[in-house]
Amino acid sequence: MKVDEVKKQLIALEAEVNSQFDSGFVRIEFEQQSEIKKNMSFTGGNGRIYVKPFTRLKKYEIALAGTAIEMYPFMRDLCGAECASENHRGKTHPEPYWRVDDFEIVKKAVYQYASKPGTTRLTIETPAPQAMSEAPANADIETLVSWLADNERRASTLPESELFKRAAMSDTVARKIKLVGTIFIRDSYVAASAKKLADGLCDLCKQAAPFLSANNEPYLESHHIDWLSHSGADSIDNVVALCPNCHRKMHIRNDEADRNILIRRIAVRNY
């Protein structure tokens, strides 16, 4: 999913919505930041609604800013979930956002944003439980982890009684699949240096390591702020030491606010 492709979709959506001006919708305007091209949004309604590509997972990210936060209940029903975060991109004011696969969801969100106050708003049906998808063929580890998380999300849409019933009927022997992929050989000196510089404290949450390793050292895990799989450098200026909880958080969420904390942490190191 490329920025230019999403931009074309949003410009076409702007024209579509504005063609219905005076039919219950306000005129909206597409905007794109000159510094960060993926930051695209619409204005004209209450507040601002951002729509940008989340390239790594091939999803659209929809964020509400300012008075557009009034749309939160609508977005929750539309996406079938609470927002991914309310501390979007490190900002101090709430900006809830959702990541979705389908551009039709983006369209419904933008039409809702453009609807005039006092007019009949779009209604959203409660999403039906989604079927589990099959494991992707020839997948790398990152894709497989994303697939597993997506299937768990689908399972969570079931009513509790049905969910527990299916869990009780599940096969107790886990399936196996073969993976073919690339493993990065990390520099041991860099990893050890990051842990020494952390001095037993997680570089993100600042809490002490949760336990001692077999070598009687505070247990922390090295983490590349810019991931190696995304061409990040295996250097001390890109590696921090995290507790297991924060390390998992960075690989699941990778929030910009947390990334900025880690970048600042590296900037003030003494070595």
Protein backbone atom coordinates (compact mmCIF):
# COMPACT_ATOMS: atom_id res chain seq x y z
CA MET A 1 0.00 0.00 0.00
CA LYS A 2 1.77 3.13 -1.25
CA VAL A 3 1.17 6.75 -0.25
CA ASP A 4 0.39 7.84 -3.82
CA GLU A 5 -2.18 5.05 -4.24
CA VAL A 6 -4.00 6.04 -1.06
CA LYS A 7 -3.81 9.72 -2.06
CA LYS A 8 -5.61 8.95 -5.34
CA GLN A 9 -8.32 7.08 -3.44
CA LEU A 10 -8.82 9.98 -1.02
CA ILE A 11 -8.93 12.63 -3.74
CA ALA A 12 -11.57 10.58 -5.56
CA LEU A 13 -13.49 10.22 -2.28
CA GLU A 14 -13.31 13.99 -1.74
CA ALA A 15 -14.90 14.57 -5.16
CA GLU A 16 -17.56 11.92 -4.49
CA VAL A 17 -18.59 13.45 -1.14
CA ASN A 18 -18.53 17.02 -2.47
CA SER A 19 -20.76 16.04 -5.39
CA GLN A 20 -23.45 15.54 -2.74
CA PHE A 21 -22.97 18.97 -1.17
CA ASP A 22 -26.29 20.38 0.07
CA SER A 23 -27.71 16.83 0.24
CA GLY A 24 -26.98 16.42 3.92
CA PHE A 25 -23.21 16.73 3.61
CA VAL A 26 -20.76 19.60 4.06
CA ARG A 27 -17.98 20.33 1.58
CA ILE A 28 -14.72 18.68 2.67
CA GLU A 29 -11.15 19.42 1.64
CA PHE A 30 -8.30 16.95 1.22
CA GLU A 31 -4.94 17.98 2.70
CA GLN A 32 -1.49 16.40 2.63
CA GLN A 33 1.46 17.47 4.75
CA SER A 34 4.45 18.56 2.70
CA GLU A 35 6.99 17.26 5.24
CA ILE A 36 5.43 13.84 5.91
CA LYS A 37 3.58 12.76 2.76
CA LYS A 38 1.66 9.92 4.40
CA ASN A 39 -0.07 12.39 6.76
CA MET A 40 -3.29 13.00 4.82
CA SER A 41 -6.55 14.31 6.21
CA PHE A 42 -9.92 15.92 5.53
CA THR A 43 -11.19 19.19 6.94
CA GLY A 44 -14.56 20.90 6.57
CA GLY A 45 -16.52 18.92 9.13
CA ASN A 46 -16.09 19.04 12.89
CA GLY A 47 -12.40 18.82 13.69
CA ARG A 48 -10.22 16.81 11.33
CA ILE A 49 -10.15 13.17 10.22
CA TYR A 50 -6.82 11.64 9.21
CA VAL A 51 -6.51 8.76 6.76
CA LYS A 52 -3.03 7.42 6.11
CA PRO A 53 -1.44 4.18 4.93
CA PHE A 54 0.03 1.89 7.57
CA THR A 55 2.40 0.31 5.10
CA ARG A 56 3.91 -2.48 7.18
CA LEU A 57 0.55 -4.24 7.69
CA LYS A 58 -1.05 -2.95 4.46
CA LYS A 59 -3.83 -1.20 6.35
CA TYR A 60 -5.53 2.20 6.41
CA GLU A 61 -5.20 4.18 9.62
CA ILE A 62 -8.15 6.43 10.53
CA ALA A 63 -7.60 8.99 13.31
CA LEU A 64 -9.95 11.55 14.84
CA ALA A 65 -8.61 14.96 15.84
CA GLY A 66 -10.25 17.91 17.62
CA THR A 67 -14.04 17.85 17.75
CA ALA A 68 -14.09 14.91 15.34
CA ILE A 69 -13.65 12.81 18.51
CA GLU A 70 -17.45 13.08 18.78
CA MET A 71 -17.45 10.35 16.10
CA TYR A 72 -15.89 7.85 18.53
CA PRO A 73 -19.05 5.76 19.15
CA PHE A 74 -19.67 5.59 15.40
CA MET A 75 -16.08 4.49 14.69
CA ARG A 76 -16.18 1.90 17.47
CA ASP A 77 -19.32 0.35 15.95
CA LEU A 78 -18.00 0.67 12.40
CA CYS A 79 -14.70 -1.08 13.18
CA GLY A 80 -16.15 -3.46 15.74
CA ALA A 81 -13.52 -2.51 18.32
CA GLU A 82 -12.31 0.21 20.63
CA CYS A 83 -9.58 2.45 19.24
CA ALA A 84 -6.00 1.20 18.96
CA SER A 85 -4.76 4.15 21.05
CA GLU A 86 -5.77 7.59 22.24
CA ASN A 87 -2.23 8.95 22.51
CA HIS A 88 -1.72 9.08 18.78
CA ARG A 89 1.77 9.82 17.48
CA GLY A 90 2.99 11.16 20.79
CA LYS A 91 0.55 14.07 20.99
CA THR A 92 -0.60 15.29 24.38
CA HIS A 93 -4.28 15.52 23.41
CA PRO A 94 -6.36 12.42 22.60
CA GLU A 95 -6.42 11.29 18.96
CA PRO A 96 -8.06 7.85 18.85
CA TYR A 97 -7.25 5.79 15.77
CA TRP A 98 -8.20 2.50 14.11
CA ARG A 99 -6.38 0.41 11.49
CA VAL A 100 -8.57 -1.30 8.89
CA ASP A 101 -8.11 -3.42 5.77
CA ASP A 102 -11.10 -2.27 3.72
CA PHE A 103 -11.34 1.13 2.00
CA GLU A 104 -15.13 0.86 2.27
CA ILE A 105 -14.71 1.43 6.02
CA VAL A 106 -12.67 4.55 5.23
CA LYS A 107 -15.48 5.78 2.96
CA LYS A 108 -18.14 5.27 5.64
CA ALA A 109 -15.98 7.12 8.17
CA VAL A 110 -15.44 10.08 5.84
CA TYR A 111 -19.13 10.26 4.88
CA GLN A 112 -20.01 10.30 8.57
CA TYR A 113 -17.47 13.07 9.15
CA ALA A 114 -18.99 15.10 6.29
CA SER A 115 -22.62 14.68 7.34
CA LYS A 116 -24.29 17.87 8.50
CA PRO A 117 -25.37 18.25 12.15
CA GLY A 118 -29.03 17.37 12.56
CA THR A 119 -29.15 15.11 9.51
CA THR A 120 -29.68 11.38 9.69
CA ARG A 121 -26.37 9.75 10.40
CA LEU A 122 -25.23 6.50 8.86
CA THR A 123 -26.21 3.44 10.84
CA ILE A 124 -23.80 0.57 11.33
CA GLU A 125 -24.87 -3.01 11.76
CA THR A 126 -23.15 -5.00 14.46
CA PRO A 127 -20.33 -6.84 12.66
CA ALA A 128 -20.98 -10.54 12.20
CA PRO A 129 -18.38 -12.89 13.62
CA GLN A 130 -15.67 -13.41 11.02
CA ALA A 131 -14.46 -16.84 9.98
CA MET A 132 -10.91 -17.89 10.73
CA SER A 133 -8.53 -17.52 7.81
CA GLU A 134 -6.08 -20.15 6.65
CA ALA A 135 -2.38 -19.81 7.39
CA PRO A 136 -0.63 -17.80 4.64
CA ALA A 137 1.55 -19.87 2.34
CA ASN A 138 5.33 -19.33 2.36
CA ALA A 139 4.98 -16.73 5.11
CA ASP A 140 7.82 -15.12 7.01
CA ILE A 141 7.63 -14.92 10.80
CA GLU A 142 6.35 -11.33 10.88
CA THR A 143 3.49 -12.15 8.50
CA LEU A 144 2.62 -15.28 10.46
CA VAL A 145 2.50 -13.39 13.77
CA SER A 146 0.21 -10.80 12.17
CA TRP A 147 -2.04 -13.59 10.85
CA LEU A 148 -2.29 -15.22 14.28
CA ALA A 149 -3.19 -11.88 15.90
CA ASP A 150 -5.85 -11.24 13.23
CA ASN A 151 -7.45 -14.65 13.79
CA GLU A 152 -7.54 -14.04 17.54
CA ARG A 153 -9.28 -10.71 16.87
CA ARG A 154 -11.83 -12.51 14.68
CA ALA A 155 -12.44 -15.09 17.41
CA SER A 156 -13.05 -12.32 19.95
CA THR A 157 -16.06 -11.09 17.92
CA LEU A 158 -17.99 -14.26 18.85
CA PRO A 159 -20.51 -14.20 21.71
CA GLU A 160 -18.82 -15.57 24.85
CA SER A 161 -20.98 -18.70 24.94
CA GLU A 162 -20.01 -19.59 21.36
CA LEU A 163 -16.37 -18.66 21.91
CA PHE A 164 -16.04 -20.89 25.00
CA LYS A 165 -17.90 -23.71 23.21
CA ARG A 166 -15.45 -23.64 20.29
CA ALA A 167 -12.46 -23.42 22.64
CA ALA A 168 -13.66 -26.56 24.46
CA MET A 169 -13.97 -28.40 21.12
CA SER A 170 -10.55 -27.37 19.83
CA ASP A 171 -7.84 -29.86 18.93
CA THR A 172 -5.43 -30.18 21.86
CA VAL A 173 -2.51 -30.89 19.53
CA ALA A 174 -1.22 -27.65 18.03
CA ARG A 175 -0.67 -27.59 14.27
CA LYS A 176 2.82 -27.27 12.85
CA ILE A 177 3.91 -25.40 9.76
CA LYS A 178 7.33 -25.01 8.22
CA LEU A 179 8.79 -21.53 7.83
CA VAL A 180 11.41 -20.46 5.37
CA GLY A 181 12.90 -17.07 6.11
CA THR A 182 15.88 -14.89 6.83
CA ILE A 183 17.43 -14.56 10.27
CA PHE A 184 19.50 -11.50 11.11
CA ILE A 185 22.76 -12.25 12.97
CA ARG A 186 22.88 -9.43 15.48
CA ASP A 187 26.17 -7.98 16.72
CA SER A 188 26.79 -9.35 20.22
CA TYR A 189 28.97 -6.37 21.19
CA VAL A 190 26.19 -3.93 20.29
CA ALA A 191 23.55 -5.89 22.22
CA ALA A 192 25.77 -6.26 25.29
CA SER A 193 26.68 -2.56 25.20
CA ALA A 194 23.02 -1.49 25.14
CA LYS A 195 22.31 -3.64 28.20
CA LYS A 196 25.33 -2.29 30.06
CA LEU A 197 24.26 1.29 29.32
CA ALA A 198 20.74 0.53 30.60
CA ASP A 199 22.26 -0.43 33.97
CA GLY A 200 19.49 -2.86 34.83
CA LEU A 201 16.60 -0.52 33.93
CA CYS A 202 14.28 -0.82 30.93
CA ASP A 203 14.99 2.04 28.51
CA LEU A 204 11.25 2.54 27.94
CA CYS A 205 9.35 2.09 31.22
CA LYS A 206 12.42 2.80 33.44
CA GLN A 207 11.51 -0.11 35.70
CA ALA A 208 14.08 -2.59 36.96
CA ALA A 209 14.61 -5.80 35.00
CA PRO A 210 11.89 -8.29 36.12
CA PHE A 211 14.35 -11.06 37.05
CA LEU A 212 17.98 -12.15 36.84
CA SER A 213 19.30 -14.22 33.96
CA ALA A 214 21.09 -17.56 34.32
CA ASN A 215 24.31 -15.51 34.48
CA ASN A 216 22.89 -13.54 37.43
CA GLU A 217 22.55 -10.40 35.29
CA PRO A 218 19.42 -8.18 35.10
CA TYR A 219 17.33 -9.71 32.31
CA LEU A 220 16.73 -7.18 29.51
CA GLU A 221 16.33 -7.74 25.76
CA SER A 222 18.04 -5.75 23.02
CA HIS A 223 15.68 -3.96 20.61
CA HIS A 224 16.33 -2.11 17.35
CA ILE A 225 14.30 1.11 17.23
CA ASP A 226 14.36 0.94 13.44
CA TRP A 227 13.84 -2.77 12.89
CA LEU A 228 16.46 -4.77 11.01
CA SER A 229 13.67 -6.09 8.78
CA HIS A 230 12.99 -2.47 7.80
CA SER A 231 16.67 -1.80 6.99
CA GLY A 232 17.50 -0.46 10.44
CA ALA A 233 21.14 -0.30 11.50
CA ASP A 234 22.67 -2.87 13.84
CA SER A 235 24.52 -0.15 15.74
CA ILE A 236 24.61 1.18 19.28
CA ASP A 237 22.80 4.31 18.05
CA ASN A 238 19.78 2.19 17.09
CA VAL A 239 19.72 -0.42 19.88
CA VAL A 240 18.19 -0.13 23.35
CA ALA A 241 17.57 -2.57 26.21
CA LEU A 242 13.95 -3.34 27.14
CA CYS A 243 12.13 -5.48 29.64
CA PRO A 244 10.23 -8.39 28.00
CA ASN A 245 6.89 -6.59 28.38
CA CYS A 246 8.03 -3.37 26.68
CA HIS A 247 9.89 -5.35 24.01
CA ARG A 248 6.70 -7.19 23.07
CA LYS A 249 4.78 -3.91 23.16
CA MET A 250 7.19 -2.32 20.67
CA HIS A 251 6.78 -5.22 18.24
CA ILE A 252 2.99 -5.21 18.53
CA ARG A 253 2.31 -1.46 18.75
CA ASN A 254 5.54 0.37 17.81
CA ASP A 255 3.86 3.64 18.82
CA GLU A 256 5.59 6.82 17.71
CA ALA A 257 5.46 8.21 21.25
CA ASP A 258 7.42 5.22 22.58
CA ARG A 259 9.87 5.40 19.69
CA ASN A 260 10.55 9.04 20.55
CA ILE A 261 11.23 8.13 24.19
CA LEU A 262 13.81 5.58 23.05
CA ILE A 263 15.40 7.99 20.57
CA ARG A 264 15.78 10.59 23.34
CA ARG A 265 17.21 7.92 25.62
CA ILE A 266 19.94 7.16 23.09
CA ALA A 267 20.67 10.87 22.62
CA VAL A 268 21.60 11.36 26.30
CA ARG A 269 23.72 8.24 26.73
CA ASN A 270 27.28 8.58 27.98
CA TYR A 271 29.69 6.13 26.40
